[in-house]
Amino acid sequence: MAENKNRMNIFYLLIGVSLLAALIFLAAFIWAVRSGQFDDSETPSIRILFDDDDSDDTDSNNEEKQTT
């Protein structure tokens, strides 16, 4: 009987530690978002340098259809 009680106490301890760890990670994530860690200020300025492959494919397909 005492062994079952010890197992339950361990479960309560593990649940408590898990919730504490989850709250710490949640607080760290919220801090990172608020402090701008996920802001991307570089990509919008260089986006124009990259080709848009989707529009090129549709243009070439339309030209092929018109010539045939």
PDB file of N, CA and C in Angstrom:
ATOM      1  N   MET A   1       0.825  -1.196   0.000  1.00  0.00           N
ATOM      2  CA  MET A   1       0.000   0.000   0.000  1.00  0.00           C
ATOM      3  C   MET A   1       0.868   1.259   0.000  1.00  0.00           C
ATOM      4  N   ALA A   2       1.933   1.222   0.766  1.00  0.00           N
ATOM      5  CA  ALA A   2       2.819   2.388   0.838  1.00  0.00           C
ATOM      6  C   ALA A   2       3.537   2.607  -0.492  1.00  0.00           C
ATOM      7  N   GLU A   3       3.755   1.511  -1.233  1.00  0.00           N
ATOM      8  CA  GLU A   3       4.445   1.625  -2.511  1.00  0.00           C
ATOM      9  C   GLU A   3       3.576   2.374  -3.530  1.00  0.00           C
ATOM     10  N   ASN A   4       2.266   2.115  -3.545  1.00  0.00           N
ATOM     11  CA  ASN A   4       1.360   2.823  -4.445  1.00  0.00           C
ATOM     12  C   ASN A   4       1.306   4.309  -4.110  1.00  0.00           C
ATOM     13  N   LYS A   5       1.347   4.640  -2.841  1.00  0.00           N
ATOM     14  CA  LYS A   5       1.305   6.032  -2.430  1.00  0.00           C
ATOM     15  C   LYS A   5       2.557   6.762  -2.909  1.00  0.00           C
ATOM     16  N   ASN A   6       3.705   6.073  -2.849  1.00  0.00           N
ATOM     17  CA  ASN A   6       4.943   6.687  -3.328  1.00  0.00           C
ATOM     18  C   ASN A   6       4.905   6.914  -4.834  1.00  0.00           C
ATOM     19  N   ARG A   7       4.305   5.977  -5.579  1.00  0.00           N
ATOM     20  CA  ARG A   7       4.196   6.131  -7.026  1.00  0.00           C
ATOM     21  C   ARG A   7       3.327   7.340  -7.371  1.00  0.00           C
ATOM     22  N   MET A   8       2.230   7.510  -6.649  1.00  0.00           N
ATOM     23  CA  MET A   8       1.349   8.649  -6.906  1.00  0.00           C
ATOM     24  C   MET A   8       2.052   9.961  -6.584  1.00  0.00           C
ATOM     25  N   ASN A   9       2.853   9.989  -5.530  1.00  0.00           N
ATOM     26  CA  ASN A   9       3.587  11.201  -5.192  1.00  0.00           C
ATOM     27  C   ASN A   9       4.587  11.545  -6.296  1.00  0.00           C
ATOM     28  N   ILE A  10       5.202  10.546  -6.885  1.00  0.00           N
ATOM     29  CA  ILE A  10       6.129  10.785  -7.980  1.00  0.00           C
ATOM     30  C   ILE A  10       5.375  11.361  -9.179  1.00  0.00           C
ATOM     31  N   PHE A  11       4.175  10.831  -9.471  1.00  0.00           N
ATOM     32  CA  PHE A  11       3.384  11.368 -10.580  1.00  0.00           C
ATOM     33  C   PHE A  11       3.039  12.834 -10.348  1.00  0.00           C
ATOM     34  N   TYR A  12       2.644  13.167  -9.136  1.00  0.00           N
ATOM     35  CA  TYR A  12       2.330  14.563  -8.826  1.00  0.00           C
ATOM     36  C   TYR A  12       3.557  15.447  -8.993  1.00  0.00           C
ATOM     37  N   LEU A  13       4.694  14.954  -8.576  1.00  0.00           N
ATOM     38  CA  LEU A  13       5.930  15.711  -8.730  1.00  0.00           C
ATOM     39  C   LEU A  13       6.262  15.898 -10.211  1.00  0.00           C
ATOM     40  N   LEU A  14       6.145  14.840 -10.999  1.00  0.00           N
ATOM     41  CA  LEU A  14       6.461  14.929 -12.422  1.00  0.00           C
ATOM     42  C   LEU A  14       5.493  15.857 -13.159  1.00  0.00           C
ATOM     43  N   ILE A  15       4.222  15.804 -12.818  1.00  0.00           N
ATOM     44  CA  ILE A  15       3.252  16.702 -13.433  1.00  0.00           C
ATOM     45  C   ILE A  15       3.584  18.152 -13.089  1.00  0.00           C
ATOM     46  N   GLY A  16       3.919  18.399 -11.856  1.00  0.00           N
ATOM     47  CA  GLY A  16       4.282  19.756 -11.439  1.00  0.00           C
ATOM     48  C   GLY A  16       5.528  20.261 -12.149  1.00  0.00           C
ATOM     49  N   VAL A  17       6.545  19.427 -12.246  1.00  0.00           N
ATOM     50  CA  VAL A  17       7.779  19.822 -12.931  1.00  0.00           C
ATOM     51  C   VAL A  17       7.511  20.048 -14.420  1.00  0.00           C
ATOM     52  N   SER A  18       6.677  19.216 -15.025  1.00  0.00           N
ATOM     53  CA  SER A  18       6.342  19.379 -16.444  1.00  0.00           C
ATOM     54  C   SER A  18       5.602  20.691 -16.691  1.00  0.00           C
ATOM     55  N   LEU A  19       4.652  21.003 -15.837  1.00  0.00           N
ATOM     56  CA  LEU A  19       3.926  22.265 -15.986  1.00  0.00           C
ATOM     57  C   LEU A  19       4.847  23.463 -15.787  1.00  0.00           C
ATOM     58  N   LEU A  20       5.756  23.366 -14.848  1.00  0.00           N
ATOM     59  CA  LEU A  20       6.713  24.446 -14.619  1.00  0.00           C
ATOM     60  C   LEU A  20       7.614  24.638 -15.842  1.00  0.00           C
ATOM     61  N   ALA A  21       8.095  23.552 -16.401  1.00  0.00           N
ATOM     62  CA  ALA A  21       8.946  23.643 -17.593  1.00  0.00           C
ATOM     63  C   ALA A  21       8.159  24.229 -18.769  1.00  0.00           C
ATOM     64  N   ALA A  22       6.901  23.823 -18.931  1.00  0.00           N
ATOM     65  CA  ALA A  22       6.073  24.350 -20.012  1.00  0.00           C
ATOM     66  C   ALA A  22       5.856  25.853 -19.844  1.00  0.00           C
ATOM     67  N   LEU A  23       5.626  26.296 -18.631  1.00  0.00           N
ATOM     68  CA  LEU A  23       5.433  27.729 -18.382  1.00  0.00           C
ATOM     69  C   LEU A  23       6.710  28.515 -18.649  1.00  0.00           C
ATOM     70  N   ILE A  24       7.854  27.942 -18.317  1.00  0.00           N
ATOM     71  CA  ILE A  24       9.131  28.611 -18.586  1.00  0.00           C
ATOM     72  C   ILE A  24       9.341  28.754 -20.091  1.00  0.00           C
ATOM     73  N   PHE A  25       9.083  27.692 -20.854  1.00  0.00           N
ATOM     74  CA  PHE A  25       9.231  27.765 -22.310  1.00  0.00           C
ATOM     75  C   PHE A  25       8.221  28.733 -22.922  1.00  0.00           C
ATOM     76  N   LEU A  26       7.008  28.766 -22.411  1.00  0.00           N
ATOM     77  CA  LEU A  26       6.004  29.709 -22.912  1.00  0.00           C
ATOM     78  C   LEU A  26       6.433  31.144 -22.644  1.00  0.00           C
ATOM     79  N   ALA A  27       6.945  31.407 -21.452  1.00  0.00           N
ATOM     80  CA  ALA A  27       7.415  32.757 -21.118  1.00  0.00           C
ATOM     81  C   ALA A  27       8.595  33.154 -22.002  1.00  0.00           C
ATOM     82  N   ALA A  28       9.506  32.227 -22.266  1.00  0.00           N
ATOM     83  CA  ALA A  28      10.645  32.523 -23.143  1.00  0.00           C
ATOM     84  C   ALA A  28      10.178  32.815 -24.561  1.00  0.00           C
ATOM     85  N   PHE A  29       9.200  32.083 -25.056  1.00  0.00           N
ATOM     86  CA  PHE A  29       8.670  32.314 -26.395  1.00  0.00           C
ATOM     87  C   PHE A  29       7.984  33.674 -26.490  1.00  0.00           C
ATOM     88  N   ILE A  30       7.173  34.001 -25.499  1.00  0.00           N
ATOM     89  CA  ILE A  30       6.484  35.295 -25.493  1.00  0.00           C
ATOM     90  C   ILE A  30       7.500  36.428 -25.433  1.00  0.00           C
ATOM     91  N   TRP A  31       8.548  36.277 -24.623  1.00  0.00           N
ATOM     92  CA  TRP A  31       9.592  37.289 -24.551  1.00  0.00           C
ATOM     93  C   TRP A  31      10.282  37.454 -25.910  1.00  0.00           C
ATOM     94  N   ALA A  32      10.565  36.356 -26.576  1.00  0.00           N
ATOM     95  CA  ALA A  32      11.252  36.415 -27.866  1.00  0.00           C
ATOM     96  C   ALA A  32      10.393  37.115 -28.911  1.00  0.00           C
ATOM     97  N   VAL A  33       9.094  36.852 -28.911  1.00  0.00           N
ATOM     98  CA  VAL A  33       8.203  37.494 -29.879  1.00  0.00           C
ATOM     99  C   VAL A  33       8.110  38.984 -29.602  1.00  0.00           C
ATOM    100  N   ARG A  34       7.967  39.360 -28.347  1.00  0.00           N
ATOM    101  CA  ARG A  34       7.826  40.774 -27.995  1.00  0.00           C
ATOM    102  C   ARG A  34       9.115  41.560 -28.213  1.00  0.00           C
ATOM    103  N   SER A  35      10.244  40.907 -28.089  1.00  0.00           N
ATOM    104  CA  SER A  35      11.512  41.630 -28.255  1.00  0.00           C
ATOM    105  C   SER A  35      11.967  41.668 -29.706  1.00  0.00           C
ATOM    106  N   GLY A  36      11.190  41.083 -30.624  1.00  0.00           N
ATOM    107  CA  GLY A  36      11.498  41.178 -32.037  1.00  0.00           C
ATOM    108  C   GLY A  36      12.467  40.134 -32.543  1.00  0.00           C
ATOM    109  N   GLN A  37      12.608  39.036 -31.857  1.00  0.00           N
ATOM    110  CA  GLN A  37      13.540  37.997 -32.291  1.00  0.00           C
ATOM    111  C   GLN A  37      13.114  37.350 -33.598  1.00  0.00           C
ATOM    112  N   PHE A  38      11.825  37.398 -33.926  1.00  0.00           N
ATOM    113  CA  PHE A  38      11.334  36.750 -35.129  1.00  0.00           C
ATOM    114  C   PHE A  38      11.038  37.737 -36.245  1.00  0.00           C
ATOM    115  N   ASP A  39      11.372  39.011 -36.061  1.00  0.00           N
ATOM    116  CA  ASP A  39      11.172  40.001 -37.112  1.00  0.00           C
ATOM    117  C   ASP A  39      12.186  39.781 -38.220  1.00  0.00           C
ATOM    118  N   ASP A  40      11.717  39.869 -39.440  1.00  0.00           N
ATOM    119  CA  ASP A  40      12.592  39.683 -40.589  1.00  0.00           C
ATOM    120  C   ASP A  40      12.627  40.993 -41.369  1.00  0.00           C
ATOM    121  N   SER A  41      13.666  41.766 -41.160  1.00  0.00           N
ATOM    122  CA  SER A  41      13.765  43.053 -41.830  1.00  0.00           C
ATOM    123  C   SER A  41      14.598  42.969 -43.108  1.00  0.00           C
ATOM    124  N   GLU A  42      15.228  41.844 -43.381  1.00  0.00           N
ATOM    125  CA  GLU A  42      16.090  41.723 -44.548  1.00  0.00           C
ATOM    126  C   GLU A  42      15.355  41.182 -45.776  1.00  0.00           C
ATOM    127  N   THR A  43      14.504  40.207 -45.609  1.00  0.00           N
ATOM    128  CA  THR A  43      13.868  39.549 -46.746  1.00  0.00           C
ATOM    129  C   THR A  43      13.017  40.485 -47.602  1.00  0.00           C
ATOM    130  N   PRO A  44      12.179  41.367 -47.035  1.00  0.00           N
ATOM    131  CA  PRO A  44      11.375  42.228 -47.908  1.00  0.00           C
ATOM    132  C   PRO A  44      12.217  43.110 -48.835  1.00  0.00           C
ATOM    133  N   SER A  45      13.378  43.542 -48.384  1.00  0.00           N
ATOM    134  CA  SER A  45      14.185  44.418 -49.226  1.00  0.00           C
ATOM    135  C   SER A  45      14.890  43.684 -50.357  1.00  0.00           C
ATOM    136  N   ILE A  46      15.117  42.383 -50.221  1.00  0.00           N
ATOM    137  CA  ILE A  46      15.791  41.635 -51.286  1.00  0.00           C
ATOM    138  C   ILE A  46      14.832  40.745 -52.074  1.00  0.00           C
ATOM    139  N   ARG A  47      13.556  40.801 -51.769  1.00  0.00           N
ATOM    140  CA  ARG A  47      12.579  39.943 -52.445  1.00  0.00           C
ATOM    141  C   ARG A  47      12.504  40.252 -53.944  1.00  0.00           C
ATOM    142  N   ILE A  48      12.718  41.492 -54.307  1.00  0.00           N
ATOM    143  CA  ILE A  48      12.617  41.864 -55.712  1.00  0.00           C
ATOM    144  C   ILE A  48      13.747  41.258 -56.539  1.00  0.00           C
ATOM    145  N   LEU A  49      14.835  40.851 -55.903  1.00  0.00           N
ATOM    146  CA  LEU A  49      15.961  40.286 -56.627  1.00  0.00           C
ATOM    147  C   LEU A  49      15.736  38.846 -57.060  1.00  0.00           C
ATOM    148  N   PHE A  50      14.756  38.179 -56.475  1.00  0.00           N
ATOM    149  CA  PHE A  50      14.494  36.782 -56.793  1.00  0.00           C
ATOM    150  C   PHE A  50      13.436  36.672 -57.878  1.00  0.00           C
ATOM    151  N   ASP A  51      13.600  35.708 -58.768  1.00  0.00           N
ATOM    152  CA  ASP A  51      12.619  35.473 -59.817  1.00  0.00           C
ATOM    153  C   ASP A  51      11.390  34.798 -59.246  1.00  0.00           C
ATOM    154  N   ASP A  52      10.256  35.138 -59.800  1.00  0.00           N
ATOM    155  CA  ASP A  52       9.010  34.486 -59.419  1.00  0.00           C
ATOM    156  C   ASP A  52       8.774  33.368 -60.423  1.00  0.00           C
ATOM    157  N   ASP A  53       9.132  32.148 -60.059  1.00  0.00           N
ATOM    158  CA  ASP A  53       9.079  31.020 -60.980  1.00  0.00           C
ATOM    159  C   ASP A  53       7.663  30.689 -61.436  1.00  0.00           C
ATOM    160  N   ASP A  54       6.685  30.905 -60.593  1.00  0.00           N
ATOM    161  CA  ASP A  54       5.312  30.546 -60.944  1.00  0.00           C
ATOM    162  C   ASP A  54       4.799  31.367 -62.121  1.00  0.00           C
ATOM    163  N   SER A  55       5.063  32.653 -62.133  1.00  0.00           N
ATOM    164  CA  SER A  55       4.543  33.487 -63.220  1.00  0.00           C
ATOM    165  C   SER A  55       5.278  33.198 -64.522  1.00  0.00           C
ATOM    166  N   ASP A  56       6.562  32.839 -64.471  1.00  0.00           N
ATOM    167  CA  ASP A  56       7.309  32.503 -65.677  1.00  0.00           C
ATOM    168  C   ASP A  56       6.758  31.243 -66.325  1.00  0.00           C
ATOM    169  N   ASP A  57       6.399  30.271 -65.518  1.00  0.00           N
ATOM    170  CA  ASP A  57       5.861  29.018 -66.050  1.00  0.00           C
ATOM    171  C   ASP A  57       4.529  29.241 -66.760  1.00  0.00           C
ATOM    172  N   THR A  58       3.683  30.045 -66.185  1.00  0.00           N
ATOM    173  CA  THR A  58       2.377  30.261 -66.805  1.00  0.00           C
ATOM    174  C   THR A  58       2.515  31.092 -68.063  1.00  0.00           C
ATOM    175  N   ASP A  59       3.459  32.042 -68.109  1.00  0.00           N
ATOM    176  CA  ASP A  59       3.662  32.836 -69.319  1.00  0.00           C
ATOM    177  C   ASP A  59       4.174  31.967 -70.457  1.00  0.00           C
ATOM    178  N   SER A  60       5.123  31.089 -70.172  1.00  0.00           N
ATOM    179  CA  SER A  60       5.670  30.248 -71.230  1.00  0.00           C
ATOM    180  C   SER A  60       4.619  29.239 -71.719  1.00  0.00           C
ATOM    181  N   ASN A  61       3.776  28.755 -70.835  1.00  0.00           N
ATOM    182  CA  ASN A  61       2.706  27.838 -71.255  1.00  0.00           C
ATOM    183  C   ASN A  61       1.694  28.560 -72.127  1.00  0.00           C
ATOM    184  N   ASN A  62       1.385  29.793 -71.808  1.00  0.00           N
ATOM    185  CA  ASN A  62       0.430  30.553 -72.617  1.00  0.00           C
ATOM    186  C   ASN A  62       1.005  30.834 -73.999  1.00  0.00           C
ATOM    187  N   GLU A  63       2.293  31.125 -74.087  1.00  0.00           N
ATOM    188  CA  GLU A  63       2.912  31.386 -75.373  1.00  0.00           C
ATOM    189  C   GLU A  63       2.920  30.127 -76.244  1.00  0.00           C
ATOM    190  N   GLU A  64       3.171  28.974 -75.634  1.00  0.00           N
ATOM    191  CA  GLU A  64       3.162  27.726 -76.375  1.00  0.00           C
ATOM    192  C   GLU A  64       1.773  27.408 -76.931  1.00  0.00           C
ATOM    193  N   LYS A  65       0.767  27.695 -76.157  1.00  0.00           N
ATOM    194  CA  LYS A  65      -0.598  27.433 -76.599  1.00  0.00           C
ATOM    195  C   LYS A  65      -0.988  28.337 -77.756  1.00  0.00           C
ATOM    196  N   GLN A  66      -0.513  29.581 -77.727  1.00  0.00           N
ATOM    197  CA  GLN A  66      -0.872  30.531 -78.771  1.00  0.00           C
ATOM    198  C   GLN A  66      -0.164  30.207 -80.085  1.00  0.00           C
ATOM    199  N   THR A  67       1.063  29.672 -80.019  1.00  0.00           N
ATOM    200  CA  THR A  67       1.809  29.391 -81.249  1.00  0.00           C
ATOM    201  C   THR A  67       1.350  28.130 -81.932  1.00  0.00           C
ATOM    202  N   THR A  68       0.672  27.231 -81.229  1.00  0.00           N
ATOM    203  CA  THR A  68       0.265  25.973 -81.846  1.00  0.00           C
ATOM    204  C   THR A  68      -1.130  26.027 -82.391  1.00  0.00           C
TER     205      THR A  68
END
